[in-house]
Amino acid sequence: MKSENAGQAWMTWRGLQPADQPLLQDLDRACKETDGEEWVSNLVEDALAAMRVDVDNTFCAAGEDTLMAVGWIEMLPSTENEQRVVLGGRVHPNYRRRGLGTLLLEWLENRANLVSGYHRMRRLIIRNEALTADAHAIYVQSGFTPIFAENMMVCSLENPLPADRLPETYRLVNWTTETAPLFYRAYCDAFYDRAASFDPLEKWVGEYEKDNDFLPRLSWVAVNGEERPVAFVTAGKMGKMAWISQTGVIPQLRGQGVAFGLLVHTLRNFKQEGFQEVGLHVNVNNPAAIRRFYELGFRRRLTRARYEKTVL
């Protein structure tokens, strides 16, 4: 359906109101039930935060007791020559494929351009934690370019786990203040061929230690006979789910069972802690890692993605 035909007599397009919070919660719940449960996005708080900054930065299609669609913009810190703007929005599953998504995105772009000012470059950013094929089509047709995509993969801990195949020549060390530098070295050595640069030790460790969902007692680094850290797993929780924040192994040991054995050990620890499932994110352009996680029992639940559009 063309966007100009998206409005209906029984819906009202307007800015958000504080009283819409319960309706936003219903919309968020409906989207996650249909698209896949995840705990990264925060539709309710993000939309209300935009409303508190400026109600004109929000837009919704409201019925008598339902929000059929909602959108908002968030202005990010920017430079003199470039304004970055996040465009957020969701369409209720019961009202999709009626042109609301296209209409909403058109409004968000127009609002972002107006608020940014036409005298400088605008970088429009869309983050979607549960991407659908329809959403992808709308973004691309509107001129947005996919920047990255990650699969959220989940493993049920109620199923039998593979045998622990960590070679005996390696020992496992738990995360403590004293051992955190070992994790950092393993991290840098594992990703030096994939990352352009690394945060300093203090920042990398600090990000974990200030995270309330970080689980240091369930985070491990594998050390070889020469006391070199060669593989690591940092653990946390995401809602009710155990979460693997990062994991890696040095390139020389990829495919040799070290990372696999370390992950099996981690999954067993999660299970002993009472978690029923564990999740992680893996880049869609890393088929080797996806295959290894699949062997461990992980299955794709949803895909998260980021899109950008530059307007001169």
Protein backbone atom coordinates (compact mmCIF):
# COMPACT_ATOMS: atom_id res chain seq x y z
CA MET A 1 0.00 0.00 0.00
CA LYS A 2 1.26 3.46 -0.80
CA SER A 3 2.13 5.59 2.19
CA GLU A 4 -0.39 8.28 1.31
CA ASN A 5 -3.13 5.71 1.83
CA ALA A 6 -1.80 4.49 5.17
CA GLY A 7 -3.94 6.73 7.39
CA GLN A 8 -7.39 5.52 8.35
CA ALA A 9 -10.40 7.35 9.79
CA TRP A 10 -10.16 5.43 13.05
CA MET A 11 -6.52 6.33 13.75
CA THR A 12 -4.98 9.62 14.84
CA TRP A 13 -1.45 10.70 13.99
CA ARG A 14 -0.05 12.78 16.86
CA GLY A 15 2.87 13.27 19.19
CA LEU A 16 3.36 11.01 22.19
CA GLN A 17 1.89 11.83 25.59
CA PRO A 18 3.01 10.69 29.07
CA ALA A 19 -0.24 8.73 29.36
CA ASP A 20 0.85 6.58 26.40
CA GLN A 21 3.33 4.61 28.52
CA PRO A 22 1.01 1.57 29.01
CA LEU A 23 0.25 1.54 25.27
CA LEU A 24 3.97 1.70 24.48
CA GLN A 25 4.52 -1.27 26.79
CA ASP A 26 1.77 -3.21 24.97
CA LEU A 27 3.34 -2.35 21.61
CA ASP A 28 6.80 -3.42 22.76
CA ARG A 29 5.44 -6.69 24.11
CA ALA A 30 3.53 -7.45 20.89
CA CYS A 31 6.58 -6.76 18.71
CA LYS A 32 8.85 -8.98 20.79
CA GLU A 33 6.32 -11.80 20.86
CA THR A 34 6.20 -11.73 17.05
CA ASP A 35 9.77 -10.80 16.07
CA GLY A 36 11.73 -12.52 18.85
CA GLU A 37 12.45 -11.80 22.49
CA GLU A 38 15.50 -9.61 23.13
CA TRP A 39 16.60 -7.35 25.98
CA VAL A 40 18.81 -4.85 24.17
CA SER A 41 16.19 -2.45 22.86
CA ASN A 42 14.11 -0.24 25.15
CA LEU A 43 11.24 1.06 23.05
CA VAL A 44 9.30 2.51 25.97
CA GLU A 45 12.12 4.51 27.55
CA ASP A 46 13.63 5.62 24.24
CA ALA A 47 10.30 6.94 22.95
CA LEU A 48 9.42 8.69 26.22
CA ALA A 49 12.92 10.18 26.48
CA ALA A 50 12.50 11.69 23.01
CA MET A 51 9.10 13.05 24.05
CA ARG A 52 10.58 14.70 27.14
CA VAL A 53 13.17 16.46 24.99
CA ASP A 54 10.58 17.67 22.47
CA VAL A 55 7.16 16.14 21.87
CA ASP A 56 7.46 17.20 18.22
CA ASN A 57 10.29 14.68 17.88
CA THR A 58 7.75 11.87 18.32
CA PHE A 59 4.98 10.61 16.07
CA CYS A 60 2.47 7.83 16.58
CA ALA A 61 -0.64 6.29 15.02
CA ALA A 62 -3.12 5.95 17.88
CA GLY A 63 -6.43 4.13 18.03
CA GLU A 64 -8.87 4.04 20.91
CA ASP A 65 -6.72 1.77 23.08
CA THR A 66 -3.77 0.83 20.85
CA LEU A 67 -0.66 2.37 19.37
CA MET A 68 -0.44 0.97 15.85
CA ALA A 69 2.92 2.62 15.17
CA VAL A 70 5.35 4.90 16.93
CA GLY A 71 8.47 6.76 15.87
CA TRP A 72 10.96 9.20 17.39
CA ILE A 73 14.29 10.86 16.70
CA GLU A 74 17.29 11.23 18.99
CA MET A 75 19.92 13.86 18.29
CA LEU A 76 23.45 12.56 18.96
CA PRO A 77 26.54 14.64 19.81
CA SER A 78 27.75 16.00 16.50
CA THR A 79 30.37 18.17 14.85
CA GLU A 80 30.06 21.54 13.22
CA ASN A 81 29.80 19.93 9.78
CA GLU A 82 27.81 16.79 10.59
CA GLN A 83 24.68 16.08 12.63
CA ARG A 84 23.99 12.47 13.61
CA VAL A 85 20.41 11.46 14.29
CA VAL A 86 18.99 8.11 15.43
CA LEU A 87 15.62 7.24 13.93
CA GLY A 88 13.59 4.86 16.11
CA GLY A 89 10.25 3.27 15.50
CA ARG A 90 8.07 0.18 15.51
CA VAL A 91 4.82 -0.91 13.86
CA HIS A 92 2.41 -3.20 15.71
CA PRO A 93 2.39 -6.69 14.12
CA ASN A 94 -1.39 -6.49 13.58
CA TYR A 95 -1.02 -3.36 11.45
CA ARG A 96 1.98 -4.16 9.28
CA ARG A 97 1.97 -4.22 5.48
CA ARG A 98 -0.47 -1.32 5.39
CA GLY A 99 2.03 1.40 4.57
CA LEU A 100 2.51 2.60 8.15
CA GLY A 101 6.20 1.74 8.24
CA THR A 102 6.96 3.67 5.05
CA LEU A 103 4.91 6.66 6.21
CA LEU A 104 6.61 6.62 9.60
CA LEU A 105 10.10 6.53 8.10
CA GLU A 106 9.27 9.41 5.74
CA TRP A 107 8.14 11.50 8.71
CA LEU A 108 11.24 10.62 10.74
CA GLU A 109 13.56 11.62 7.90
CA ASN A 110 11.77 14.91 7.38
CA ARG A 111 11.83 15.70 11.09
CA ALA A 112 15.51 14.81 11.40
CA ASN A 113 16.41 17.05 8.47
CA LEU A 114 14.33 19.92 9.82
CA VAL A 115 15.80 19.78 13.33
CA SER A 116 19.36 19.27 12.08
CA GLY A 117 19.25 22.20 9.71
CA TYR A 118 19.95 21.95 6.00
CA HIS A 119 23.30 23.77 6.20
CA ARG A 120 25.30 20.68 7.18
CA MET A 121 25.53 16.99 6.42
CA ARG A 122 23.07 14.71 8.22
CA ARG A 123 23.92 11.12 9.09
CA LEU A 124 20.68 9.24 9.77
CA ILE A 125 21.03 6.03 11.79
CA ILE A 126 18.58 3.15 12.25
CA ARG A 127 19.18 0.40 14.80
CA ASN A 128 16.89 -2.62 14.72
CA GLU A 129 17.37 -5.37 17.30
CA ALA A 130 14.87 -7.76 15.66
CA LEU A 131 15.10 -7.18 11.93
CA THR A 132 12.33 -8.44 9.65
CA ALA A 133 12.45 -8.85 5.88
CA ASP A 134 9.79 -6.14 5.50
CA ALA A 135 11.75 -3.66 7.63
CA HIS A 136 14.91 -4.34 5.63
CA ALA A 137 13.02 -3.71 2.38
CA ILE A 138 11.61 -0.40 3.67
CA TYR A 139 15.05 0.80 4.81
CA VAL A 140 16.78 -0.07 1.53
CA GLN A 141 14.00 1.37 -0.61
CA SER A 142 14.35 4.60 1.37
CA GLY A 143 18.06 4.81 0.55
CA PHE A 144 19.54 3.41 3.77
CA THR A 145 22.66 1.23 3.57
CA PRO A 146 23.22 -1.81 5.84
CA ILE A 147 26.31 -1.15 7.98
CA PHE A 148 26.45 -4.37 9.99
CA ALA A 149 24.27 -7.28 11.04
CA GLU A 150 24.58 -9.81 13.84
CA ASN A 151 22.64 -12.95 14.58
CA MET A 152 21.38 -13.48 18.10
CA MET A 153 21.92 -17.18 18.72
CA VAL A 154 20.46 -19.03 21.71
CA CYS A 155 21.32 -22.40 23.27
CA SER A 156 18.88 -24.26 25.51
CA LEU A 157 20.65 -25.51 28.62
CA GLU A 158 17.92 -28.10 29.13
CA ASN A 159 19.44 -30.18 26.32
CA PRO A 160 22.52 -32.39 26.85
CA LEU A 161 25.79 -30.50 26.37
CA PRO A 162 28.71 -31.79 24.28
CA ALA A 163 31.64 -33.42 26.00
CA ASP A 164 34.23 -30.99 27.38
CA ARG A 165 37.13 -31.24 24.95
CA LEU A 166 39.48 -28.64 26.43
CA PRO A 167 43.00 -30.07 25.94
CA GLU A 168 44.75 -31.00 29.19
CA THR A 169 47.71 -28.73 28.40
CA TYR A 170 45.56 -25.67 29.18
CA ARG A 171 44.27 -24.45 32.50
CA LEU A 172 41.33 -22.14 33.18
CA VAL A 173 41.60 -18.94 35.19
CA ASN A 174 38.62 -17.05 36.58
CA TRP A 175 38.15 -13.27 36.28
CA THR A 176 39.43 -11.24 39.21
CA THR A 177 40.99 -7.81 39.53
CA GLU A 178 44.40 -9.43 39.32
CA THR A 179 43.63 -11.70 36.34
CA ALA A 180 41.66 -9.17 34.24
CA PRO A 181 44.83 -8.21 32.25
CA LEU A 182 45.06 -11.83 31.08
CA PHE A 183 41.57 -11.52 29.58
CA TYR A 184 42.55 -8.28 27.88
CA ARG A 185 45.66 -9.81 26.33
CA ALA A 186 43.63 -12.81 25.12
CA TYR A 187 41.08 -10.42 23.66
CA CYS A 188 43.67 -8.37 21.76
CA ASP A 189 45.54 -11.43 20.50
CA ALA A 190 42.31 -13.12 19.41
CA PHE A 191 40.99 -10.18 17.38
CA TYR A 192 44.12 -8.42 16.13
CA ASP A 193 43.35 -9.63 12.58
CA ARG A 194 39.75 -8.37 12.71
CA ALA A 195 39.87 -5.14 14.72
CA ALA A 196 41.39 -1.86 13.55
CA SER A 197 42.25 -0.73 17.08
CA PHE A 198 41.66 -1.62 20.73
CA ASP A 199 40.59 0.36 23.76
CA PRO A 200 43.26 0.72 26.47
CA LEU A 201 43.37 -1.94 29.17
CA GLU A 202 41.85 0.31 31.84
CA LYS A 203 38.87 1.25 29.68
CA TRP A 204 38.19 -2.29 28.47
CA VAL A 205 38.31 -3.76 31.98
CA GLY A 206 36.40 -0.81 33.43
CA GLU A 207 33.50 -1.27 31.03
CA TYR A 208 33.02 -4.79 32.36
CA GLU A 209 33.47 -4.01 36.04
CA LYS A 210 30.91 -1.20 36.02
CA ASP A 211 28.34 -3.38 34.23
CA ASN A 212 25.78 -4.64 36.75
CA ASP A 213 25.01 -7.64 34.52
CA PHE A 214 28.62 -8.78 34.24
CA LEU A 215 29.32 -12.17 35.87
CA PRO A 216 33.05 -12.35 36.66
CA ARG A 217 32.72 -15.68 38.48
CA LEU A 218 31.48 -17.25 35.22
CA SER A 219 34.12 -15.61 33.00
CA TRP A 220 37.20 -17.66 32.10
CA VAL A 221 40.50 -17.40 30.26
CA ALA A 222 42.48 -20.41 29.02
CA VAL A 223 46.22 -20.26 29.69
CA ASN A 224 48.80 -22.53 28.01
CA GLY A 225 51.84 -24.18 29.55
CA GLU A 226 53.90 -21.05 28.94
CA GLU A 227 51.39 -18.97 30.92
CA ARG A 228 50.15 -17.23 27.79
CA PRO A 229 46.39 -16.51 27.68
CA VAL A 230 45.08 -17.99 24.43
CA ALA A 231 41.28 -17.98 24.67
CA PHE A 232 38.65 -16.26 26.79
CA VAL A 233 34.96 -15.94 27.56
CA THR A 234 33.33 -13.02 29.37
CA ALA A 235 29.91 -13.80 30.78
CA GLY A 236 26.88 -11.83 31.86
CA LYS A 237 23.13 -11.95 31.85
CA MET A 238 20.52 -10.40 29.59
CA GLY A 239 17.14 -10.40 31.26
CA LYS A 240 16.56 -13.99 32.39
CA MET A 241 19.09 -15.33 29.90
CA ALA A 242 22.75 -16.08 30.50
CA TRP A 243 24.85 -14.13 28.04
CA ILE A 244 28.25 -14.58 26.41
CA SER A 245 29.47 -11.02 26.00
CA GLN A 246 32.70 -11.83 24.18
CA THR A 247 34.68 -14.92 23.32
CA GLY A 248 37.74 -15.50 21.21
CA VAL A 249 40.80 -17.62 20.62
CA ILE A 250 44.16 -16.67 19.13
CA PRO A 251 44.28 -17.35 15.35
CA GLN A 252 46.92 -20.10 15.67
CA LEU A 253 44.55 -22.22 17.78
CA ARG A 254 41.33 -21.73 15.86
CA GLY A 255 39.62 -25.03 15.10
CA GLN A 256 41.80 -27.00 17.54
CA GLY A 257 39.24 -27.51 20.31
CA VAL A 258 40.46 -24.89 22.76
CA ALA A 259 37.63 -22.40 22.21
CA PHE A 260 35.10 -25.24 21.96
CA GLY A 261 36.19 -26.78 25.26
CA LEU A 262 36.21 -23.39 26.95
CA LEU A 263 32.66 -22.68 25.77
CA VAL A 264 31.39 -26.07 26.92
CA HIS A 265 32.88 -25.38 30.35
CA THR A 266 31.12 -22.01 30.38
CA LEU A 267 27.77 -23.52 29.38
CA ARG A 268 28.04 -26.07 32.18
CA ASN A 269 28.68 -23.27 34.66
CA PHE A 270 25.64 -21.39 33.40
CA LYS A 271 23.54 -24.52 33.82
CA GLN A 272 24.81 -25.06 37.37
CA GLU A 273 23.83 -21.45 38.17
CA GLY A 274 20.22 -22.25 37.21
CA PHE A 275 20.03 -20.55 33.80
CA GLN A 276 17.78 -22.27 31.27
CA GLU A 277 19.28 -20.76 28.13
CA VAL A 278 22.27 -18.73 27.01
CA GLY A 279 22.56 -16.25 24.16
CA LEU A 280 25.19 -14.34 22.22
CA HIS A 281 25.64 -12.13 19.18
CA VAL A 282 27.77 -13.19 16.21
CA ASN A 283 28.43 -11.22 13.04
CA VAL A 284 26.65 -12.60 9.99
CA ASN A 285 29.92 -12.38 8.02
CA ASN A 286 31.64 -14.86 10.35
CA PRO A 287 30.37 -18.24 9.09
CA ALA A 288 33.11 -20.19 10.87
CA ALA A 289 32.00 -18.90 14.28
CA ILE A 290 28.33 -19.46 13.41
CA ARG A 291 29.12 -23.07 12.51
CA ARG A 292 30.99 -23.64 15.79
CA PHE A 293 28.13 -22.19 17.83
CA TYR A 294 25.69 -24.38 15.91
CA GLU A 295 27.76 -27.44 16.87
CA LEU A 296 27.43 -26.36 20.50
CA GLY A 297 23.63 -26.30 20.22
CA PHE A 298 23.05 -22.61 19.46
CA ARG A 299 20.30 -21.68 17.03
CA ARG A 300 19.52 -18.33 15.42
CA ARG A 301 16.64 -16.52 17.13
CA LEU A 302 16.76 -13.13 15.42
CA THR A 303 19.01 -10.68 13.60
CA ARG A 304 20.04 -7.21 14.75
CA ALA A 305 21.23 -4.63 12.25
CA ARG A 306 22.31 -1.03 11.75
CA TYR A 307 21.57 1.11 8.71
CA GLU A 308 22.80 4.57 7.78
CA LYS A 309 21.96 7.25 5.24
CA THR A 310 23.98 10.37 4.55
CA VAL A 311 22.09 13.45 3.42
CA LEU A 312 24.20 16.29 2.02
